[in-house]
Amino acid sequence: MLLETIIKKNHYIFLDKVDTWQEAIRMSCKPLEDDGTVETSYADLIIECVEKYGPYIVLFPNYAMPHSTEGAKGVNGTAISFMKLKESISFDPNDPSKDAKVFFTLASIDKDQHVDNMQQLFEMLTDEQLLEDLLWVNSVEDLKSLAAKK
């Protein structure tokens, strides 16, 4: 399961709050940067895309999926990271549905792996109980407990 992979690879981070959505994206990429899956430039690329196209990464209220295209500059591997904020961050002050607390950041080196990443994530995101539970996760212990239940 995806959560188990995220835990095993240490691709998670828990924060109380961030000051800007740009910082949220940078921090959500940090676990992937720490093991060399992506370079710091990848976060900048995602931020540029959001500035250009709007908050397309907010899938629905409370859930964001920062990503760029497969094989993007600064991507050295394929992985998904998890970030949970205690306080949501707004991507559009005029639209509360664009606030996010839970981030799944995707990085992939080719189209097939990108599609596989998306399929794994969407399987998880269609589990309404899991989505509800993720809003209350505040530590790796919580995440491990949730992964064990699934």
C-alpha atoms as a PDB file:
ATOM      1  CA  MET A   1       0.000   0.000   0.000  1.00  0.00           C
ATOM      2  CA  LEU A   2       1.102   3.529  -0.749  1.00  0.00           C
ATOM      3  CA  LEU A   3       1.168   4.709   2.886  1.00  0.00           C
ATOM      4  CA  GLU A   4       3.497   1.851   3.819  1.00  0.00           C
ATOM      5  CA  THR A   5       5.876   2.806   1.002  1.00  0.00           C
ATOM      6  CA  ILE A   6       5.835   6.453   2.098  1.00  0.00           C
ATOM      7  CA  ILE A   7       6.683   5.415   5.679  1.00  0.00           C
ATOM      8  CA  LYS A   8       9.387   2.937   4.646  1.00  0.00           C
ATOM      9  CA  LYS A   9      11.132   5.554   2.476  1.00  0.00           C
ATOM     10  CA  ASN A  10      10.791   8.318   5.138  1.00  0.00           C
ATOM     11  CA  HIS A  11       8.869  10.396   2.609  1.00  0.00           C
ATOM     12  CA  TYR A  12       6.722  12.227   5.145  1.00  0.00           C
ATOM     13  CA  ILE A  13       6.717  15.468   7.101  1.00  0.00           C
ATOM     14  CA  PHE A  14       4.377  16.913   9.751  1.00  0.00           C
ATOM     15  CA  LEU A  15       4.171  20.653  10.407  1.00  0.00           C
ATOM     16  CA  ASP A  16       1.942  22.861  12.502  1.00  0.00           C
ATOM     17  CA  LYS A  17       1.704  25.580   9.866  1.00  0.00           C
ATOM     18  CA  VAL A  18       3.401  27.374   7.017  1.00  0.00           C
ATOM     19  CA  ASP A  19       3.091  31.033   6.089  1.00  0.00           C
ATOM     20  CA  THR A  20       2.506  30.757   2.327  1.00  0.00           C
ATOM     21  CA  TRP A  21       1.371  28.180  -0.196  1.00  0.00           C
ATOM     22  CA  GLN A  22       4.817  28.471  -1.807  1.00  0.00           C
ATOM     23  CA  GLU A  23       6.411  27.398   1.472  1.00  0.00           C
ATOM     24  CA  ALA A  24       3.893  24.535   1.676  1.00  0.00           C
ATOM     25  CA  ILE A  25       5.046  23.268  -1.727  1.00  0.00           C
ATOM     26  CA  ARG A  26       8.719  23.624  -0.784  1.00  0.00           C
ATOM     27  CA  MET A  27       8.193  21.749   2.480  1.00  0.00           C
ATOM     28  CA  SER A  28       6.138  19.008   0.790  1.00  0.00           C
ATOM     29  CA  CYS A  29       9.102  18.365  -1.523  1.00  0.00           C
ATOM     30  CA  LYS A  30      11.619  18.247   1.354  1.00  0.00           C
ATOM     31  CA  PRO A  31      11.320  14.499   2.112  1.00  0.00           C
ATOM     32  CA  LEU A  32      11.984  13.786  -1.579  1.00  0.00           C
ATOM     33  CA  GLU A  33      14.946  16.179  -1.586  1.00  0.00           C
ATOM     34  CA  ASP A  34      16.420  14.548   1.521  1.00  0.00           C
ATOM     35  CA  ASP A  35      17.112  11.268  -0.291  1.00  0.00           C
ATOM     36  CA  GLY A  36      17.917  12.758  -3.691  1.00  0.00           C
ATOM     37  CA  THR A  37      14.656  11.783  -5.424  1.00  0.00           C
ATOM     38  CA  VAL A  38      14.279  15.447  -6.426  1.00  0.00           C
ATOM     39  CA  GLU A  39      16.445  18.546  -6.349  1.00  0.00           C
ATOM     40  CA  THR A  40      15.321  21.819  -4.752  1.00  0.00           C
ATOM     41  CA  SER A  41      14.611  23.184  -8.224  1.00  0.00           C
ATOM     42  CA  TYR A  42      11.632  20.800  -8.499  1.00  0.00           C
ATOM     43  CA  ALA A  43       9.673  22.768  -5.867  1.00  0.00           C
ATOM     44  CA  ASP A  44      10.387  25.971  -7.803  1.00  0.00           C
ATOM     45  CA  LEU A  45       9.054  24.344 -10.966  1.00  0.00           C
ATOM     46  CA  ILE A  46       5.794  23.345  -9.233  1.00  0.00           C
ATOM     47  CA  ILE A  47       5.432  26.874  -7.802  1.00  0.00           C
ATOM     48  CA  GLU A  48       5.921  28.350 -11.300  1.00  0.00           C
ATOM     49  CA  CYS A  49       3.185  26.046 -12.649  1.00  0.00           C
ATOM     50  CA  VAL A  50       0.723  27.057  -9.904  1.00  0.00           C
ATOM     51  CA  GLU A  51       1.499  30.738 -10.515  1.00  0.00           C
ATOM     52  CA  LYS A  52       0.886  30.215 -14.238  1.00  0.00           C
ATOM     53  CA  TYR A  53      -2.149  27.886 -14.167  1.00  0.00           C
ATOM     54  CA  GLY A  54      -3.722  28.549 -10.771  1.00  0.00           C
ATOM     55  CA  PRO A  55      -4.155  26.117  -7.857  1.00  0.00           C
ATOM     56  CA  TYR A  56      -4.746  23.038 -10.035  1.00  0.00           C
ATOM     57  CA  ILE A  57      -2.880  20.967  -7.447  1.00  0.00           C
ATOM     58  CA  VAL A  58      -5.727  21.301  -4.901  1.00  0.00           C
ATOM     59  CA  LEU A  59      -7.833  18.298  -5.894  1.00  0.00           C
ATOM     60  CA  PHE A  60     -10.640  19.022  -3.436  1.00  0.00           C
ATOM     61  CA  PRO A  61     -10.874  20.857  -0.079  1.00  0.00           C
ATOM     62  CA  ASN A  62      -7.994  19.954   2.267  1.00  0.00           C
ATOM     63  CA  TYR A  63      -6.108  17.805  -0.290  1.00  0.00           C
ATOM     64  CA  ALA A  64      -3.323  18.936  -2.598  1.00  0.00           C
ATOM     65  CA  MET A  65      -1.191  16.977  -5.028  1.00  0.00           C
ATOM     66  CA  PRO A  66       1.865  19.063  -5.927  1.00  0.00           C
ATOM     67  CA  HIS A  67       3.451  17.753  -9.109  1.00  0.00           C
ATOM     68  CA  SER A  68       4.843  18.737 -12.440  1.00  0.00           C
ATOM     69  CA  THR A  69       5.148  16.778 -15.665  1.00  0.00           C
ATOM     70  CA  GLU A  70       6.904  13.431 -15.775  1.00  0.00           C
ATOM     71  CA  GLY A  71      10.620  13.698 -16.376  1.00  0.00           C
ATOM     72  CA  ALA A  72      10.656  17.286 -15.101  1.00  0.00           C
ATOM     73  CA  LYS A  73      13.966  19.027 -14.536  1.00  0.00           C
ATOM     74  CA  GLY A  74      15.275  18.267 -11.061  1.00  0.00           C
ATOM     75  CA  VAL A  75      13.598  14.844 -10.782  1.00  0.00           C
ATOM     76  CA  ASN A  76      16.009  11.951 -10.247  1.00  0.00           C
ATOM     77  CA  GLY A  77      13.565   9.227  -9.224  1.00  0.00           C
ATOM     78  CA  THR A  78       9.924   8.266  -8.821  1.00  0.00           C
ATOM     79  CA  ALA A  79       8.168   8.625  -5.474  1.00  0.00           C
ATOM     80  CA  ILE A  80       5.275  10.160  -3.568  1.00  0.00           C
ATOM     81  CA  SER A  81       5.701  12.096  -0.332  1.00  0.00           C
ATOM     82  CA  PHE A  82       3.118  12.925   2.338  1.00  0.00           C
ATOM     83  CA  MET A  83       2.844  16.168   4.285  1.00  0.00           C
ATOM     84  CA  LYS A  84       0.262  17.052   6.917  1.00  0.00           C
ATOM     85  CA  LEU A  85      -0.296  20.567   8.211  1.00  0.00           C
ATOM     86  CA  LYS A  86      -2.259  21.174  11.421  1.00  0.00           C
ATOM     87  CA  GLU A  87      -3.404  24.524  10.016  1.00  0.00           C
ATOM     88  CA  SER A  88      -4.555  24.610   6.419  1.00  0.00           C
ATOM     89  CA  ILE A  89      -2.904  26.925   3.911  1.00  0.00           C
ATOM     90  CA  SER A  90      -4.865  28.890   1.324  1.00  0.00           C
ATOM     91  CA  PHE A  91      -4.005  28.710  -2.360  1.00  0.00           C
ATOM     92  CA  ASP A  92      -6.745  31.242  -3.182  1.00  0.00           C
ATOM     93  CA  PRO A  93      -7.922  33.665  -0.476  1.00  0.00           C
ATOM     94  CA  ASN A  94     -11.207  34.137  -2.369  1.00  0.00           C
ATOM     95  CA  ASP A  95     -11.974  30.402  -2.519  1.00  0.00           C
ATOM     96  CA  PRO A  96     -11.920  28.383   0.740  1.00  0.00           C
ATOM     97  CA  SER A  97     -12.263  25.165  -1.292  1.00  0.00           C
ATOM     98  CA  LYS A  98      -8.648  25.784  -2.358  1.00  0.00           C
ATOM     99  CA  ASP A  99      -7.308  25.408   1.204  1.00  0.00           C
ATOM    100  CA  ALA A 100      -5.161  22.340   1.923  1.00  0.00           C
ATOM    101  CA  LYS A 101      -3.833  20.413   4.930  1.00  0.00           C
ATOM    102  CA  VAL A 102      -2.869  17.088   3.344  1.00  0.00           C
ATOM    103  CA  PHE A 103      -0.276  17.031   0.572  1.00  0.00           C
ATOM    104  CA  PHE A 104       0.780  14.148  -1.644  1.00  0.00           C
ATOM    105  CA  THR A 105       3.733  15.334  -3.713  1.00  0.00           C
ATOM    106  CA  LEU A 106       4.482  13.338  -6.854  1.00  0.00           C
ATOM    107  CA  ALA A 107       7.757  13.018  -8.715  1.00  0.00           C
ATOM    108  CA  SER A 108       8.361  10.659 -11.623  1.00  0.00           C
ATOM    109  CA  ILE A 109      11.058  10.153 -14.203  1.00  0.00           C
ATOM    110  CA  ASP A 110       8.893   8.835 -17.030  1.00  0.00           C
ATOM    111  CA  LYS A 111       5.295   8.678 -18.236  1.00  0.00           C
ATOM    112  CA  ASP A 112       4.651   5.041 -17.209  1.00  0.00           C
ATOM    113  CA  GLN A 113       5.853   5.647 -13.659  1.00  0.00           C
ATOM    114  CA  HIS A 114       3.870   8.899 -13.539  1.00  0.00           C
ATOM    115  CA  VAL A 115       0.681   7.028 -14.501  1.00  0.00           C
ATOM    116  CA  ASP A 116       1.448   4.311 -11.917  1.00  0.00           C
ATOM    117  CA  ASN A 117       1.955   6.997  -9.233  1.00  0.00           C
ATOM    118  CA  MET A 118      -1.364   8.613 -10.131  1.00  0.00           C
ATOM    119  CA  GLN A 119      -3.223   5.276 -10.068  1.00  0.00           C
ATOM    120  CA  GLN A 120      -1.876   4.393  -6.603  1.00  0.00           C
ATOM    121  CA  LEU A 121      -2.797   7.799  -5.276  1.00  0.00           C
ATOM    122  CA  PHE A 122      -6.276   7.873  -6.791  1.00  0.00           C
ATOM    123  CA  GLU A 123      -7.033   4.428  -5.334  1.00  0.00           C
ATOM    124  CA  MET A 124      -6.268   5.913  -1.944  1.00  0.00           C
ATOM    125  CA  LEU A 125      -8.186   9.125  -2.588  1.00  0.00           C
ATOM    126  CA  THR A 126     -11.373   7.231  -3.401  1.00  0.00           C
ATOM    127  CA  ASP A 127     -11.429   5.742   0.116  1.00  0.00           C
ATOM    128  CA  GLU A 128     -13.614   8.258   1.951  1.00  0.00           C
ATOM    129  CA  GLN A 129     -12.837   6.861   5.407  1.00  0.00           C
ATOM    130  CA  LEU A 130      -9.109   7.064   4.725  1.00  0.00           C
ATOM    131  CA  LEU A 131      -9.473  10.678   3.579  1.00  0.00           C
ATOM    132  CA  GLU A 132     -11.306  11.513   6.796  1.00  0.00           C
ATOM    133  CA  ASP A 133      -8.656   9.720   8.878  1.00  0.00           C
ATOM    134  CA  LEU A 134      -5.779  11.535   7.139  1.00  0.00           C
ATOM    135  CA  LEU A 135      -7.142  14.870   8.400  1.00  0.00           C
ATOM    136  CA  TRP A 136      -6.411  13.696  11.961  1.00  0.00           C
ATOM    137  CA  VAL A 137      -2.926  12.265  11.398  1.00  0.00           C
ATOM    138  CA  ASN A 138      -0.305  14.332  13.260  1.00  0.00           C
ATOM    139  CA  SER A 139       2.707  12.032  13.557  1.00  0.00           C
ATOM    140  CA  VAL A 140       4.451   9.130  11.882  1.00  0.00           C
ATOM    141  CA  GLU A 141       2.959   6.910  14.607  1.00  0.00           C
ATOM    142  CA  ASP A 142      -0.532   8.007  13.514  1.00  0.00           C
ATOM    143  CA  LEU A 143       0.402   7.328   9.904  1.00  0.00           C
ATOM    144  CA  LYS A 144       1.744   3.847  10.752  1.00  0.00           C
ATOM    145  CA  SER A 145      -1.415   3.059  12.705  1.00  0.00           C
ATOM    146  CA  LEU A 146      -3.568   4.139   9.768  1.00  0.00           C
ATOM    147  CA  ALA A 147      -1.473   2.121   7.291  1.00  0.00           C
ATOM    148  CA  ALA A 148      -1.806  -0.963   9.499  1.00  0.00           C
ATOM    149  CA  LYS A 149      -5.622  -0.668   9.405  1.00  0.00           C
ATOM    150  CA  LYS A 150      -5.777  -0.578   5.601  1.00  0.00           C
END
